[in-house]
Amino acid sequence: MTTARDAGASIEGIVQRSAHVLLDFDGPVCAIFGGITAPAVAEQFRTALRLVPVKMPPAVRDANDPLEVFRQVADLGPEIAETAQHILTRLETRAARAARATPGSSDLMRTAHATGHTVTIVSNNSSVAIAAYLGDHRLTRYVTAIVGRDDADPALMKPSPYRVRVAVSQLDAKPGEAFFVGDSPSDVVAGKLAGVAVIGFANKPGKAAQLDEAGADAVTTRLAEISAALHATPRVALPRLSARGAVHGLP
């Protein structure tokens, strides 16, 4: 199922004017906490923080999302934020090893690469965890760069447009030459603030309305629809970034 705001904002229309594909990680690529659940990782995170020790705000004690735990704890100060970043990166990397691939995600990356589009992962998850997943699934060669959570500043996480803007800059591209595939309203907000077209991926019931309300240019329930549009819009092969331009763990 696909919805679009107007004919020019159809998936086909978005792909036709784009050279670069930006993908959120958790959702469009895989369920990072599909093997080791998010509540379990959140509890492991809290346990590790208590050993530091860190006096956690009340809101953290019942949080089931490790990223929400990070946001809350990182606000306690830069030293604690750096410690939390290190711990969460380790936990995410372990979880990524057991992550469940999203149906159609591997084909989407391969199709984008084969049709001359670049693929960049833009995520609130750590680049180390993302690189581990891509390596395990033999997808590294199809990804130009990773722009993940490699600092301890929660203010730079989506819905901030910071990392989407970094991705576009790394590609030496204009925002209008890229589109972002995300599965949450925060992805939509980040992409729109950065000036890129956003295709919402409604991978759960009720998400389509949420993504549309957030301002997504188009919404789909199947990544295969984006792959089909890419197949119909081949481009001249684009050079990969140089070693200097590559981001976080990719050649």
C-alpha atoms as a PDB file:
ATOM      1  CA  MET A   1       0.000   0.000   0.000  1.00  0.00           C
ATOM      2  CA  THR A   2       1.259   3.427  -0.952  1.00  0.00           C
ATOM      3  CA  THR A   3      -0.072   6.843  -0.159  1.00  0.00           C
ATOM      4  CA  ALA A   4       1.297  10.123  -1.471  1.00  0.00           C
ATOM      5  CA  ARG A   5       0.537  13.787  -0.929  1.00  0.00           C
ATOM      6  CA  ASP A   6       0.382  14.545  -4.663  1.00  0.00           C
ATOM      7  CA  ALA A   7       1.420  13.030  -7.976  1.00  0.00           C
ATOM      8  CA  GLY A   8       4.857  14.650  -7.819  1.00  0.00           C
ATOM      9  CA  ALA A   9       5.409  13.135  -4.390  1.00  0.00           C
ATOM     10  CA  SER A  10       4.761   9.544  -5.480  1.00  0.00           C
ATOM     11  CA  ILE A  11       7.523   7.085  -4.762  1.00  0.00           C
ATOM     12  CA  GLU A  12       8.309   6.971  -8.466  1.00  0.00           C
ATOM     13  CA  GLY A  13       8.487  10.757  -8.649  1.00  0.00           C
ATOM     14  CA  ILE A  14      10.740  10.968  -5.605  1.00  0.00           C
ATOM     15  CA  VAL A  15      13.109   8.303  -6.922  1.00  0.00           C
ATOM     16  CA  GLN A  16      13.272   9.815 -10.404  1.00  0.00           C
ATOM     17  CA  ARG A  17      14.809  13.030  -9.118  1.00  0.00           C
ATOM     18  CA  SER A  18      17.144  11.403  -6.593  1.00  0.00           C
ATOM     19  CA  ALA A  19      20.678  10.070  -6.848  1.00  0.00           C
ATOM     20  CA  HIS A  20      21.057   9.188  -3.177  1.00  0.00           C
ATOM     21  CA  VAL A  21      19.109   6.877  -0.871  1.00  0.00           C
ATOM     22  CA  LEU A  22      19.242   7.570   2.862  1.00  0.00           C
ATOM     23  CA  LEU A  23      17.973   4.774   5.106  1.00  0.00           C
ATOM     24  CA  ASP A  24      17.150   4.746   8.784  1.00  0.00           C
ATOM     25  CA  PHE A  25      18.605   1.594  10.358  1.00  0.00           C
ATOM     26  CA  ASP A  26      16.194   0.273  12.987  1.00  0.00           C
ATOM     27  CA  GLY A  27      13.061  -0.425  10.968  1.00  0.00           C
ATOM     28  CA  PRO A  28      13.899   0.019   7.275  1.00  0.00           C
ATOM     29  CA  VAL A  29      17.039  -2.147   7.458  1.00  0.00           C
ATOM     30  CA  CYS A  30      16.369  -4.454  10.390  1.00  0.00           C
ATOM     31  CA  ALA A  31      14.787  -4.783  13.802  1.00  0.00           C
ATOM     32  CA  ILE A  32      17.947  -4.207  15.820  1.00  0.00           C
ATOM     33  CA  PHE A  33      16.224  -5.412  18.976  1.00  0.00           C
ATOM     34  CA  GLY A  34      14.429  -8.264  17.230  1.00  0.00           C
ATOM     35  CA  GLY A  35      16.643 -10.922  18.781  1.00  0.00           C
ATOM     36  CA  ILE A  36      17.538  -9.220  22.049  1.00  0.00           C
ATOM     37  CA  THR A  37      14.459  -7.199  22.911  1.00  0.00           C
ATOM     38  CA  ALA A  38      14.536  -3.456  23.528  1.00  0.00           C
ATOM     39  CA  PRO A  39      13.235  -3.790  27.131  1.00  0.00           C
ATOM     40  CA  ALA A  40      15.950  -6.368  27.859  1.00  0.00           C
ATOM     41  CA  VAL A  41      18.656  -4.091  26.452  1.00  0.00           C
ATOM     42  CA  ALA A  42      17.231  -1.124  28.378  1.00  0.00           C
ATOM     43  CA  GLU A  43      17.474  -3.129  31.615  1.00  0.00           C
ATOM     44  CA  GLN A  44      21.044  -4.219  30.794  1.00  0.00           C
ATOM     45  CA  PHE A  45      21.850  -0.580  30.133  1.00  0.00           C
ATOM     46  CA  ARG A  46      20.453   0.515  33.503  1.00  0.00           C
ATOM     47  CA  THR A  47      22.351  -2.261  35.285  1.00  0.00           C
ATOM     48  CA  ALA A  48      25.641  -1.183  33.704  1.00  0.00           C
ATOM     49  CA  LEU A  49      24.963   2.470  34.559  1.00  0.00           C
ATOM     50  CA  ARG A  50      24.282   1.611  38.206  1.00  0.00           C
ATOM     51  CA  LEU A  51      27.735   0.036  38.412  1.00  0.00           C
ATOM     52  CA  VAL A  52      29.412   3.282  37.269  1.00  0.00           C
ATOM     53  CA  PRO A  53      27.544   4.489  39.399  1.00  0.00           C
ATOM     54  CA  VAL A  54      25.008   6.850  37.827  1.00  0.00           C
ATOM     55  CA  LYS A  55      22.027   8.223  39.739  1.00  0.00           C
ATOM     56  CA  MET A  56      19.321   7.905  37.123  1.00  0.00           C
ATOM     57  CA  PRO A  57      16.274  10.172  36.799  1.00  0.00           C
ATOM     58  CA  PRO A  58      12.924   8.549  37.729  1.00  0.00           C
ATOM     59  CA  ALA A  59      11.819   8.555  34.075  1.00  0.00           C
ATOM     60  CA  VAL A  60      14.674   6.189  33.203  1.00  0.00           C
ATOM     61  CA  ARG A  61      13.692   3.460  35.631  1.00  0.00           C
ATOM     62  CA  ASP A  62      10.731   2.173  33.607  1.00  0.00           C
ATOM     63  CA  ALA A  63      11.869   3.133  30.092  1.00  0.00           C
ATOM     64  CA  ASN A  64      11.744   0.228  27.633  1.00  0.00           C
ATOM     65  CA  ASP A  65      13.679   2.010  24.883  1.00  0.00           C
ATOM     66  CA  PRO A  66      17.496   2.030  25.281  1.00  0.00           C
ATOM     67  CA  LEU A  67      17.698   5.254  23.248  1.00  0.00           C
ATOM     68  CA  GLU A  68      15.299   6.952  25.654  1.00  0.00           C
ATOM     69  CA  VAL A  69      17.462   5.809  28.567  1.00  0.00           C
ATOM     70  CA  PHE A  70      20.451   7.325  26.766  1.00  0.00           C
ATOM     71  CA  ARG A  71      18.674  10.637  26.133  1.00  0.00           C
ATOM     72  CA  GLN A  72      17.765  10.999  29.790  1.00  0.00           C
ATOM     73  CA  VAL A  73      21.123   9.957  31.214  1.00  0.00           C
ATOM     74  CA  ALA A  74      23.237  11.911  28.721  1.00  0.00           C
ATOM     75  CA  ASP A  75      21.598  15.110  29.944  1.00  0.00           C
ATOM     76  CA  LEU A  76      23.196  14.584  33.376  1.00  0.00           C
ATOM     77  CA  GLY A  77      26.571  15.854  32.152  1.00  0.00           C
ATOM     78  CA  PRO A  78      29.277  15.283  29.519  1.00  0.00           C
ATOM     79  CA  GLU A  79      31.276  12.708  31.473  1.00  0.00           C
ATOM     80  CA  ILE A  80      28.214  10.579  32.185  1.00  0.00           C
ATOM     81  CA  ALA A  81      27.090  11.031  28.590  1.00  0.00           C
ATOM     82  CA  GLU A  82      30.394   9.643  27.276  1.00  0.00           C
ATOM     83  CA  THR A  83      30.144   6.654  29.599  1.00  0.00           C
ATOM     84  CA  ALA A  84      26.556   6.018  28.539  1.00  0.00           C
ATOM     85  CA  GLN A  85      27.546   6.272  24.874  1.00  0.00           C
ATOM     86  CA  HIS A  86      30.251   3.641  25.338  1.00  0.00           C
ATOM     87  CA  ILE A  87      27.946   1.250  27.199  1.00  0.00           C
ATOM     88  CA  LEU A  88      25.058   1.609  24.767  1.00  0.00           C
ATOM     89  CA  THR A  89      27.318   1.134  21.743  1.00  0.00           C
ATOM     90  CA  ARG A  90      28.503  -2.173  23.216  1.00  0.00           C
ATOM     91  CA  LEU A  91      24.940  -3.326  23.914  1.00  0.00           C
ATOM     92  CA  GLU A  92      23.687  -2.254  20.483  1.00  0.00           C
ATOM     93  CA  THR A  93      26.517  -4.079  18.754  1.00  0.00           C
ATOM     94  CA  ARG A  94      25.623  -7.274  20.601  1.00  0.00           C
ATOM     95  CA  ALA A  95      21.960  -6.806  19.699  1.00  0.00           C
ATOM     96  CA  ALA A  96      22.811  -6.133  16.042  1.00  0.00           C
ATOM     97  CA  ARG A  97      24.384  -9.589  15.786  1.00  0.00           C
ATOM     98  CA  ALA A  98      20.951 -11.084  16.490  1.00  0.00           C
ATOM     99  CA  ALA A  99      18.892  -8.477  14.626  1.00  0.00           C
ATOM    100  CA  ARG A 100      16.125  -9.546  12.252  1.00  0.00           C
ATOM    101  CA  ALA A 101      16.424  -8.289   8.693  1.00  0.00           C
ATOM    102  CA  THR A 102      13.441  -6.305   7.443  1.00  0.00           C
ATOM    103  CA  PRO A 103      11.839  -8.041   4.434  1.00  0.00           C
ATOM    104  CA  GLY A 104      13.054  -6.361   1.262  1.00  0.00           C
ATOM    105  CA  SER A 105      15.837  -4.348   2.918  1.00  0.00           C
ATOM    106  CA  SER A 106      18.766  -6.262   1.431  1.00  0.00           C
ATOM    107  CA  ASP A 107      17.190  -6.155  -2.015  1.00  0.00           C
ATOM    108  CA  LEU A 108      16.614  -2.411  -1.666  1.00  0.00           C
ATOM    109  CA  MET A 109      20.294  -1.769  -0.925  1.00  0.00           C
ATOM    110  CA  ARG A 110      21.470  -4.058  -3.701  1.00  0.00           C
ATOM    111  CA  THR A 111      19.033  -2.534  -6.180  1.00  0.00           C
ATOM    112  CA  ALA A 112      20.064   1.008  -5.298  1.00  0.00           C
ATOM    113  CA  HIS A 113      23.718   0.087  -5.776  1.00  0.00           C
ATOM    114  CA  ALA A 114      23.049  -1.729  -9.056  1.00  0.00           C
ATOM    115  CA  THR A 115      21.102   1.214 -10.487  1.00  0.00           C
ATOM    116  CA  GLY A 116      23.815   3.761  -9.672  1.00  0.00           C
ATOM    117  CA  HIS A 117      22.309   5.259  -6.516  1.00  0.00           C
ATOM    118  CA  THR A 118      24.326   5.658  -3.334  1.00  0.00           C
ATOM    119  CA  VAL A 119      23.064   4.239  -0.037  1.00  0.00           C
ATOM    120  CA  THR A 120      23.778   5.945   3.287  1.00  0.00           C
ATOM    121  CA  ILE A 121      22.536   4.717   6.655  1.00  0.00           C
ATOM    122  CA  VAL A 122      21.388   7.598   8.873  1.00  0.00           C
ATOM    123  CA  SER A 123      20.520   6.471  12.370  1.00  0.00           C
ATOM    124  CA  ASN A 124      20.290   7.202  16.089  1.00  0.00           C
ATOM    125  CA  ASN A 125      22.007   3.844  16.600  1.00  0.00           C
ATOM    126  CA  SER A 126      25.781   3.656  16.795  1.00  0.00           C
ATOM    127  CA  SER A 127      27.807   3.265  13.619  1.00  0.00           C
ATOM    128  CA  VAL A 128      29.750   0.405  15.194  1.00  0.00           C
ATOM    129  CA  ALA A 129      26.559  -1.629  15.615  1.00  0.00           C
ATOM    130  CA  ILE A 130      25.366  -0.766  12.112  1.00  0.00           C
ATOM    131  CA  ALA A 131      28.705  -1.724  10.559  1.00  0.00           C
ATOM    132  CA  ALA A 132      28.610  -5.044  12.445  1.00  0.00           C
ATOM    133  CA  TYR A 133      25.159  -5.827  11.042  1.00  0.00           C
ATOM    134  CA  LEU A 134      26.134  -4.905   7.490  1.00  0.00           C
ATOM    135  CA  GLY A 135      29.246  -7.057   7.742  1.00  0.00           C
ATOM    136  CA  ASP A 136      27.372 -10.053   9.100  1.00  0.00           C
ATOM    137  CA  HIS A 137      24.820  -9.810   6.275  1.00  0.00           C
ATOM    138  CA  ARG A 138      27.411  -9.121   3.551  1.00  0.00           C
ATOM    139  CA  LEU A 139      25.914  -5.748   2.737  1.00  0.00           C
ATOM    140  CA  THR A 140      28.896  -3.487   3.381  1.00  0.00           C
ATOM    141  CA  ARG A 141      29.793  -3.146  -0.293  1.00  0.00           C
ATOM    142  CA  TYR A 142      26.368  -1.703  -1.106  1.00  0.00           C
ATOM    143  CA  VAL A 143      26.573   1.100   1.470  1.00  0.00           C
ATOM    144  CA  THR A 144      28.534   4.267   0.787  1.00  0.00           C
ATOM    145  CA  ALA A 145      28.534   5.608   4.331  1.00  0.00           C
ATOM    146  CA  ILE A 146      27.093   5.361   7.822  1.00  0.00           C
ATOM    147  CA  VAL A 147      26.104   8.431   9.801  1.00  0.00           C
ATOM    148  CA  GLY A 148      25.217   7.125  13.239  1.00  0.00           C
ATOM    149  CA  ARG A 149      25.323   8.079  16.902  1.00  0.00           C
ATOM    150  CA  ASP A 150      29.063   8.468  17.351  1.00  0.00           C
ATOM    151  CA  ASP A 151      28.972  11.240  19.882  1.00  0.00           C
ATOM    152  CA  ALA A 152      27.365  11.617  23.275  1.00  0.00           C
ATOM    153  CA  ASP A 153      25.130  14.594  22.496  1.00  0.00           C
ATOM    154  CA  PRO A 154      21.447  13.568  22.591  1.00  0.00           C
ATOM    155  CA  ALA A 155      20.479  16.904  21.029  1.00  0.00           C
ATOM    156  CA  LEU A 156      21.946  15.690  17.728  1.00  0.00           C
ATOM    157  CA  MET A 157      19.706  12.635  17.564  1.00  0.00           C
ATOM    158  CA  LYS A 158      16.659  12.614  15.319  1.00  0.00           C
ATOM    159  CA  PRO A 159      14.270  14.445  15.168  1.00  0.00           C
ATOM    160  CA  SER A 160      17.209  16.827  14.850  1.00  0.00           C
ATOM    161  CA  PRO A 161      18.106  17.144  11.140  1.00  0.00           C
ATOM    162  CA  TYR A 162      21.814  17.142  12.028  1.00  0.00           C
ATOM    163  CA  ARG A 163      22.725  13.658  10.809  1.00  0.00           C
ATOM    164  CA  VAL A 164      20.615  13.874   7.668  1.00  0.00           C
ATOM    165  CA  ARG A 165      22.435  17.101   6.822  1.00  0.00           C
ATOM    166  CA  VAL A 166      25.785  15.446   7.547  1.00  0.00           C
ATOM    167  CA  ALA A 167      24.893  12.592   5.197  1.00  0.00           C
ATOM    168  CA  VAL A 168      23.967  14.952   2.360  1.00  0.00           C
ATOM    169  CA  SER A 169      27.151  16.952   2.927  1.00  0.00           C
ATOM    170  CA  GLN A 170      29.312  13.802   2.920  1.00  0.00           C
ATOM    171  CA  LEU A 171      27.813  12.899  -0.442  1.00  0.00           C
ATOM    172  CA  ASP A 172      28.629  16.386  -1.789  1.00  0.00           C
ATOM    173  CA  ALA A 173      24.980  16.533  -2.814  1.00  0.00           C
ATOM    174  CA  LYS A 174      22.054  18.905  -2.595  1.00  0.00           C
ATOM    175  CA  PRO A 175      19.096  17.977  -0.366  1.00  0.00           C
ATOM    176  CA  GLY A 176      16.847  17.732  -3.427  1.00  0.00           C
ATOM    177  CA  GLU A 177      19.044  14.952  -4.812  1.00  0.00           C
ATOM    178  CA  ALA A 178      18.340  12.576  -1.924  1.00  0.00           C
ATOM    179  CA  PHE A 179      15.402  10.874  -0.248  1.00  0.00           C
ATOM    180  CA  PHE A 180      15.186   9.426   3.240  1.00  0.00           C
ATOM    181  CA  VAL A 181      13.327   6.238   4.188  1.00  0.00           C
ATOM    182  CA  GLY A 182      12.264   6.225   7.836  1.00  0.00           C
ATOM    183  CA  ASP A 183       9.675   4.459   9.955  1.00  0.00           C
ATOM    184  CA  SER A 184       8.958   7.028  12.659  1.00  0.00           C
ATOM    185  CA  PRO A 185       7.580  10.567  12.877  1.00  0.00           C
ATOM    186  CA  SER A 186      10.995  11.695  14.177  1.00  0.00           C
ATOM    187  CA  ASP A 187      12.577  10.413  10.952  1.00  0.00           C
ATOM    188  CA  VAL A 188      10.055  12.395   8.934  1.00  0.00           C
ATOM    189  CA  VAL A 189      10.706  15.572  10.915  1.00  0.00           C
ATOM    190  CA  ALA A 190      14.487  15.177  10.611  1.00  0.00           C
ATOM    191  CA  GLY A 191      14.314  14.589   6.881  1.00  0.00           C
ATOM    192  CA  LYS A 192      11.931  17.462   6.183  1.00  0.00           C
ATOM    193  CA  LEU A 193      13.977  19.906   8.281  1.00  0.00           C
ATOM    194  CA  ALA A 194      17.057  18.834   6.315  1.00  0.00           C
ATOM    195  CA  GLY A 195      15.251  19.524   3.045  1.00  0.00           C
ATOM    196  CA  VAL A 196      15.159  15.968   1.677  1.00  0.00           C
ATOM    197  CA  ALA A 197      12.107  14.072   0.460  1.00  0.00           C
ATOM    198  CA  VAL A 198      10.872  11.472   2.952  1.00  0.00           C
ATOM    199  CA  ILE A 199       9.279   8.114   2.200  1.00  0.00           C
ATOM    200  CA  GLY A 200       7.625   6.821   5.347  1.00  0.00           C
ATOM    201  CA  PHE A 201       7.892   3.076   5.915  1.00  0.00           C
ATOM    202  CA  ALA A 202       4.769   1.922   7.743  1.00  0.00           C
ATOM    203  CA  ASN A 203       5.975  -1.427   9.032  1.00  0.00           C
ATOM    204  CA  LYS A 204       3.327  -1.707  11.759  1.00  0.00           C
ATOM    205  CA  PRO A 205      -0.439  -1.123  11.917  1.00  0.00           C
ATOM    206  CA  GLY A 206      -1.308   2.506  12.523  1.00  0.00           C
ATOM    207  CA  LYS A 207       2.024   3.872  11.370  1.00  0.00           C
ATOM    208  CA  ALA A 208       0.833   5.012   7.950  1.00  0.00           C
ATOM    209  CA  ALA A 209      -1.438   7.647   9.472  1.00  0.00           C
ATOM    210  CA  GLN A 210       1.278   8.766  11.894  1.00  0.00           C
ATOM    211  CA  LEU A 211       3.871   9.146   9.138  1.00  0.00           C
ATOM    212  CA  ASP A 212       1.447  10.964   6.864  1.00  0.00           C
ATOM    213  CA  GLU A 213       0.473  13.319   9.674  1.00  0.00           C
ATOM    214  CA  ALA A 214       4.160  13.998  10.395  1.00  0.00           C
ATOM    215  CA  GLY A 215       4.554  15.214   6.809  1.00  0.00           C
ATOM    216  CA  ALA A 216       6.014  12.278   4.868  1.00  0.00           C
ATOM    217  CA  ASP A 217       5.998  12.924   1.108  1.00  0.00           C
ATOM    218  CA  ALA A 218       4.860   9.347   0.482  1.00  0.00           C
ATOM    219  CA  VAL A 219       4.154   6.322   2.656  1.00  0.00           C
ATOM    220  CA  THR A 220       4.553   2.638   1.842  1.00  0.00           C
ATOM    221  CA  THR A 221       4.132  -0.632   3.697  1.00  0.00           C
ATOM    222  CA  ARG A 222       6.536  -2.491   1.385  1.00  0.00           C
ATOM    223  CA  LEU A 223      10.183  -1.706   0.690  1.00  0.00           C
ATOM    224  CA  ALA A 224       9.738  -3.613  -2.578  1.00  0.00           C
ATOM    225  CA  GLU A 225       7.817  -0.621  -3.909  1.00  0.00           C
ATOM    226  CA  ILE A 226      10.925   1.540  -3.528  1.00  0.00           C
ATOM    227  CA  SER A 227      13.083  -1.155  -5.148  1.00  0.00           C
ATOM    228  CA  ALA A 228      10.687  -1.325  -8.099  1.00  0.00           C
ATOM    229  CA  ALA A 229      10.912   2.443  -8.546  1.00  0.00           C
ATOM    230  CA  LEU A 230      14.709   2.230  -8.455  1.00  0.00           C
ATOM    231  CA  HIS A 231      14.677  -0.497 -11.104  1.00  0.00           C
ATOM    232  CA  ALA A 232      12.614   1.799 -13.300  1.00  0.00           C
ATOM    233  CA  THR A 233      15.030   4.703 -12.797  1.00  0.00           C
ATOM    234  CA  PRO A 234      18.618   3.532 -13.400  1.00  0.00           C
ATOM    235  CA  ARG A 235      21.315   6.184 -13.148  1.00  0.00           C
ATOM    236  CA  VAL A 236      24.876   6.540 -14.350  1.00  0.00           C
ATOM    237  CA  ALA A 237      27.050   4.787 -11.779  1.00  0.00           C
ATOM    238  CA  LEU A 238      28.237   7.203  -9.116  1.00  0.00           C
ATOM    239  CA  PRO A 239      31.758   6.956  -7.659  1.00  0.00           C
ATOM    240  CA  ARG A 240      32.048   5.746  -4.088  1.00  0.00           C
ATOM    241  CA  LEU A 241      33.348   8.212  -1.557  1.00  0.00           C
ATOM    242  CA  SER A 242      37.094   8.315  -1.109  1.00  0.00           C
ATOM    243  CA  ALA A 243      38.581   6.935   2.084  1.00  0.00           C
ATOM    244  CA  ARG A 244      38.595  10.488   3.380  1.00  0.00           C
ATOM    245  CA  GLY A 245      34.887  10.884   2.669  1.00  0.00           C
ATOM    246  CA  ALA A 246      33.767   7.508   3.969  1.00  0.00           C
ATOM    247  CA  VAL A 247      32.048   7.557   7.335  1.00  0.00           C
ATOM    248  CA  HIS A 248      32.622   5.418  10.419  1.00  0.00           C
ATOM    249  CA  GLY A 249      33.983   2.012   9.600  1.00  0.00           C
ATOM    250  CA  LEU A 250      33.311   1.723   5.877  1.00  0.00           C
ATOM    251  CA  PRO A 251      36.107   1.670   3.285  1.00  0.00           C
END
